[in-house]
Amino acid sequence: MQLIGAGFPRTGTTSMKAALERLGLGPCYHMYELFSHPEHLARWEHAVHDDPVDWDRVTEGYASGVDWPFSYFWRDLAAAYPQAKVLLTVRDPHRWYASMAATIVRQAEMVTGLDEGAPPALRRLSGVLAPIWKDVFDANGAPDEKRAVEVFEAHTAAVTEAVPAERLLVYEIGQGWEPLCAFLGVAVPDTPFPHLNDTEAMHRVMADFEAGRTPASPFETSG
């Protein structure tokens, strides 16, 4: 494990996954892995339910990770892999909330309100994501904007306080390759920084998953 993403979903994590993989820090874990590899749910169930966790098993096959469930466990992962750097992706908190309301909130409402007749795959997904959502926002459903922004800003403060400055990069998508490459000690690519549409990608993935189809990867056209 070389890099631990500590940022919330909807902070450019789709683009960041593509960027890190282009820089040689791949594969990079992302929430999309739970949709395309539902067998990975077993990796996270122990962590979510406070059982003893073998982080090498959870992260097996990956050199970095961003987005939930990975970034939710940033403290545990930073302790388990003290040599790994920590990347905190951020954005304007009100714009972040608007993006959350358009995507993740719908997903949260879906996975926290399941009944016993829901498909087994959805119930298992709920078992991993619903506890994270409830712990972060202290709510089963969608928080209002004021509460969500408070949580976002408190998270940013917690990460920057806990992680030594030389180990941490606070990064906003749009800053380009230079600060990220300087932080990682790698050369700047001669290709543009990837900019994937997180909202469109999430809607496609959720529609496929709800329909029982294997979701198409949003990274196939990450030019």
Protein backbone atom coordinates (compact mmCIF):
# COMPACT_ATOMS: atom_id res chain seq x y z
CA MET A 1 0.00 0.00 0.00
CA GLN A 2 1.63 3.22 -1.22
CA LEU A 3 -1.10 5.82 -0.87
CA ILE A 4 -4.17 6.16 1.34
CA GLY A 5 -6.97 8.39 0.11
CA ALA A 6 -8.75 10.08 3.03
CA GLY A 7 -11.19 12.24 1.10
CA PHE A 8 -14.96 11.90 1.06
CA PRO A 9 -16.79 10.60 -1.99
CA ARG A 10 -17.67 13.30 -4.54
CA THR A 11 -14.31 15.06 -4.18
CA GLY A 12 -13.02 13.97 -7.59
CA THR A 13 -12.18 10.45 -6.52
CA THR A 14 -13.08 8.94 -9.89
CA SER A 15 -10.60 11.19 -11.67
CA MET A 16 -8.06 10.61 -8.90
CA LYS A 17 -8.26 6.84 -9.27
CA ALA A 18 -7.48 7.20 -12.97
CA ALA A 19 -4.66 9.64 -12.21
CA LEU A 20 -3.02 7.43 -9.59
CA GLU A 21 -3.14 4.43 -11.87
CA ARG A 22 -1.54 6.48 -14.64
CA LEU A 23 1.25 7.38 -12.21
CA GLY A 24 1.91 3.71 -11.41
CA LEU A 25 0.08 3.54 -8.08
CA GLY A 26 -2.45 1.04 -9.30
CA PRO A 27 -4.63 -0.75 -9.07
CA CYS A 28 -6.37 1.92 -7.00
CA TYR A 29 -9.34 0.87 -4.89
CA HIS A 30 -12.60 2.81 -5.30
CA MET A 31 -16.21 2.22 -4.30
CA TYR A 32 -16.85 1.05 -7.86
CA GLU A 33 -14.91 -2.11 -6.97
CA LEU A 34 -17.84 -3.18 -4.79
CA PHE A 35 -20.14 -3.07 -7.82
CA SER A 36 -17.84 -4.77 -10.31
CA HIS A 37 -16.42 -7.22 -7.73
CA PRO A 38 -19.21 -7.99 -5.23
CA GLU A 39 -17.03 -10.72 -3.75
CA HIS A 40 -15.00 -7.86 -2.23
CA LEU A 41 -17.84 -7.15 0.18
CA ALA A 42 -16.46 -9.92 2.36
CA ARG A 43 -13.23 -7.93 2.67
CA TRP A 44 -15.03 -5.03 4.32
CA GLU A 45 -17.66 -6.73 6.45
CA HIS A 46 -15.27 -7.45 9.32
CA ALA A 47 -13.96 -3.88 9.26
CA VAL A 48 -17.42 -2.30 9.28
CA HIS A 49 -18.62 -4.48 12.12
CA ASP A 50 -15.55 -3.91 14.32
CA ASP A 51 -14.22 -7.43 13.99
CA PRO A 52 -10.45 -8.00 13.92
CA VAL A 53 -9.24 -6.81 10.54
CA ASP A 54 -6.46 -8.21 8.37
CA TRP A 55 -5.74 -5.09 6.34
CA ASP A 56 -3.41 -7.00 4.02
CA ARG A 57 -6.39 -9.13 3.01
CA VAL A 58 -8.65 -6.10 2.62
CA THR A 59 -6.18 -4.27 0.39
CA GLU A 60 -4.79 -7.32 -1.41
CA GLY A 61 -4.01 -6.56 -5.03
CA TYR A 62 -4.15 -2.76 -4.65
CA ALA A 63 -1.39 -0.17 -4.30
CA SER A 64 -3.63 2.75 -3.37
CA GLY A 65 -7.24 3.56 -2.57
CA VAL A 66 -9.74 6.42 -2.59
CA ASP A 67 -13.45 6.86 -1.85
CA TRP A 68 -15.58 4.86 0.57
CA PRO A 69 -15.35 2.29 2.02
CA PHE A 70 -11.57 2.63 1.71
CA SER A 71 -11.26 6.26 2.77
CA TYR A 72 -13.64 5.82 5.71
CA PHE A 73 -10.91 3.72 7.36
CA TRP A 74 -8.13 6.22 6.73
CA ARG A 75 -6.98 6.21 10.36
CA ASP A 76 -6.72 2.42 10.54
CA LEU A 77 -5.02 2.20 7.15
CA ALA A 78 -2.55 4.97 7.98
CA ALA A 79 -1.60 3.09 11.14
CA ALA A 80 -1.37 -0.27 9.35
CA TYR A 81 0.81 1.17 6.56
CA PRO A 82 3.02 3.84 8.16
CA GLN A 83 5.14 4.10 5.01
CA ALA A 84 2.14 5.08 2.88
CA LYS A 85 1.39 8.70 2.09
CA VAL A 86 -2.05 10.19 2.75
CA LEU A 87 -4.04 12.14 0.16
CA LEU A 88 -6.99 14.28 1.26
CA THR A 89 -9.12 15.31 -1.71
CA VAL A 90 -11.30 18.35 -0.97
CA ARG A 91 -13.60 20.80 -2.75
CA ASP A 92 -15.91 23.67 -1.90
CA PRO A 93 -18.17 22.04 0.72
CA HIS A 94 -21.40 23.48 -0.67
CA ARG A 95 -20.60 22.25 -4.17
CA TRP A 96 -19.67 18.92 -2.62
CA TYR A 97 -23.08 18.75 -0.94
CA ALA A 98 -24.85 19.50 -4.23
CA SER A 99 -22.94 16.64 -5.86
CA MET A 100 -23.73 14.34 -2.96
CA ALA A 101 -27.42 15.22 -3.16
CA ALA A 102 -27.46 14.30 -6.85
CA THR A 103 -25.78 10.93 -6.44
CA ILE A 104 -24.62 9.42 -3.16
CA VAL A 105 -27.70 10.50 -1.19
CA ARG A 106 -29.87 8.46 -3.55
CA GLN A 107 -27.56 5.52 -3.11
CA ALA A 108 -27.62 5.90 0.67
CA GLU A 109 -31.41 6.00 0.71
CA MET A 110 -31.45 2.84 -1.38
CA VAL A 111 -29.04 0.83 0.74
CA THR A 112 -30.30 2.00 4.15
CA GLY A 113 -33.98 1.35 3.45
CA LEU A 114 -33.92 -2.24 2.23
CA ASP A 115 -36.39 -4.87 3.34
CA GLU A 116 -35.85 -8.61 3.52
CA GLY A 117 -37.15 -9.06 0.01
CA ALA A 118 -34.30 -7.07 -1.51
CA PRO A 119 -31.78 -8.95 -3.66
CA PRO A 120 -28.99 -10.57 -1.60
CA ALA A 121 -26.29 -8.51 -3.33
CA LEU A 122 -28.04 -5.29 -2.35
CA ARG A 123 -28.49 -6.46 1.24
CA ARG A 124 -24.78 -7.20 1.52
CA LEU A 125 -23.91 -3.85 0.00
CA SER A 126 -26.20 -2.21 2.54
CA GLY A 127 -24.45 -4.10 5.32
CA VAL A 128 -21.18 -2.40 4.39
CA LEU A 129 -22.26 1.09 3.30
CA ALA A 130 -25.18 1.82 5.63
CA PRO A 131 -23.10 1.67 8.86
CA ILE A 132 -20.53 4.01 7.30
CA TRP A 133 -23.20 6.49 6.30
CA LYS A 134 -24.86 6.40 9.71
CA ASP A 135 -21.57 6.84 11.56
CA VAL A 136 -20.40 9.75 9.41
CA PHE A 137 -23.65 11.70 9.33
CA ASP A 138 -25.37 10.31 12.44
CA ALA A 139 -28.38 9.66 10.23
CA ASN A 140 -30.01 6.87 8.25
CA GLY A 141 -31.18 9.17 5.47
CA ALA A 142 -29.98 12.35 3.85
CA PRO A 143 -28.58 15.06 6.13
CA ASP A 144 -29.49 18.65 5.35
CA GLU A 145 -26.88 20.92 3.80
CA LYS A 146 -25.90 22.60 7.05
CA ARG A 147 -25.22 19.29 8.79
CA ALA A 148 -23.42 17.78 5.81
CA VAL A 149 -21.13 20.79 5.40
CA GLU A 150 -20.29 20.72 9.13
CA VAL A 151 -19.35 17.04 8.81
CA PHE A 152 -17.25 17.70 5.72
CA GLU A 153 -15.32 20.52 7.35
CA ALA A 154 -14.82 18.56 10.58
CA HIS A 155 -13.42 15.65 8.55
CA THR A 156 -10.95 17.92 6.77
CA ALA A 157 -9.80 19.31 10.11
CA ALA A 158 -9.46 15.84 11.65
CA VAL A 159 -7.26 14.54 8.84
CA THR A 160 -5.02 17.60 8.71
CA GLU A 161 -4.60 17.49 12.48
CA ALA A 162 -3.86 13.78 12.68
CA VAL A 163 -1.49 13.29 9.74
CA PRO A 164 1.99 14.87 9.81
CA ALA A 165 2.36 17.57 7.17
CA GLU A 166 5.21 15.78 5.39
CA ARG A 167 3.00 12.73 4.93
CA LEU A 168 -0.13 14.55 3.76
CA LEU A 169 -1.27 16.27 0.59
CA VAL A 170 -4.51 18.26 0.66
CA TYR A 171 -5.55 18.35 -2.99
CA GLU A 172 -8.40 19.77 -5.04
CA ILE A 173 -9.17 18.38 -8.47
CA GLY A 174 -8.22 21.07 -10.94
CA GLN A 175 -4.75 21.63 -9.49
CA GLY A 176 -3.34 19.31 -12.13
CA TRP A 177 -0.41 16.94 -12.07
CA GLU A 178 2.28 19.12 -10.51
CA PRO A 179 1.40 19.09 -6.78
CA LEU A 180 0.40 15.42 -6.90
CA CYS A 181 3.57 14.34 -8.71
CA ALA A 182 5.79 16.45 -6.45
CA PHE A 183 4.18 14.85 -3.40
CA LEU A 184 4.67 11.35 -4.79
CA GLY A 185 8.14 11.99 -6.18
CA VAL A 186 7.27 10.94 -9.72
CA ALA A 187 7.60 12.60 -13.11
CA VAL A 188 4.76 14.70 -14.50
CA PRO A 189 3.06 12.82 -17.37
CA ASP A 190 2.94 14.37 -20.82
CA THR A 191 -0.82 13.69 -21.00
CA PRO A 192 -3.66 15.78 -19.55
CA PHE A 193 -4.88 15.10 -16.03
CA PRO A 194 -7.91 12.80 -16.30
CA HIS A 195 -11.28 14.43 -15.71
CA LEU A 196 -14.07 11.88 -15.46
CA ASN A 197 -17.68 12.83 -14.90
CA ASP A 198 -18.36 11.36 -11.47
CA THR A 199 -22.08 12.13 -11.55
CA GLU A 200 -22.78 10.50 -14.89
CA ALA A 201 -20.62 7.52 -13.97
CA MET A 202 -22.40 7.01 -10.66
CA HIS A 203 -25.84 7.15 -12.27
CA ARG A 204 -24.81 4.53 -14.84
CA VAL A 205 -23.28 2.24 -12.23
CA MET A 206 -26.29 2.46 -9.91
CA ALA A 207 -28.75 1.83 -12.75
CA ASP A 208 -26.83 -1.28 -13.82
CA PHE A 209 -26.54 -2.56 -10.27
CA GLU A 210 -30.22 -2.04 -9.47
CA ALA A 211 -31.15 -3.85 -12.70
CA GLY A 212 -29.01 -6.83 -11.79
CA ARG A 213 -26.42 -6.12 -14.48
CA THR A 214 -22.67 -6.04 -13.93
CA PRO A 215 -21.94 -2.30 -14.00
CA ALA A 216 -19.79 -1.02 -16.83
CA SER A 217 -16.52 0.47 -15.65
CA PRO A 218 -16.52 4.28 -15.64
CA PHE A 219 -12.77 4.15 -16.20
CA GLU A 220 -12.72 2.52 -19.62
CA THR A 221 -12.60 5.89 -21.37
CA SER A 222 -10.40 7.72 -18.89
CA GLY A 223 -8.30 9.56 -21.43
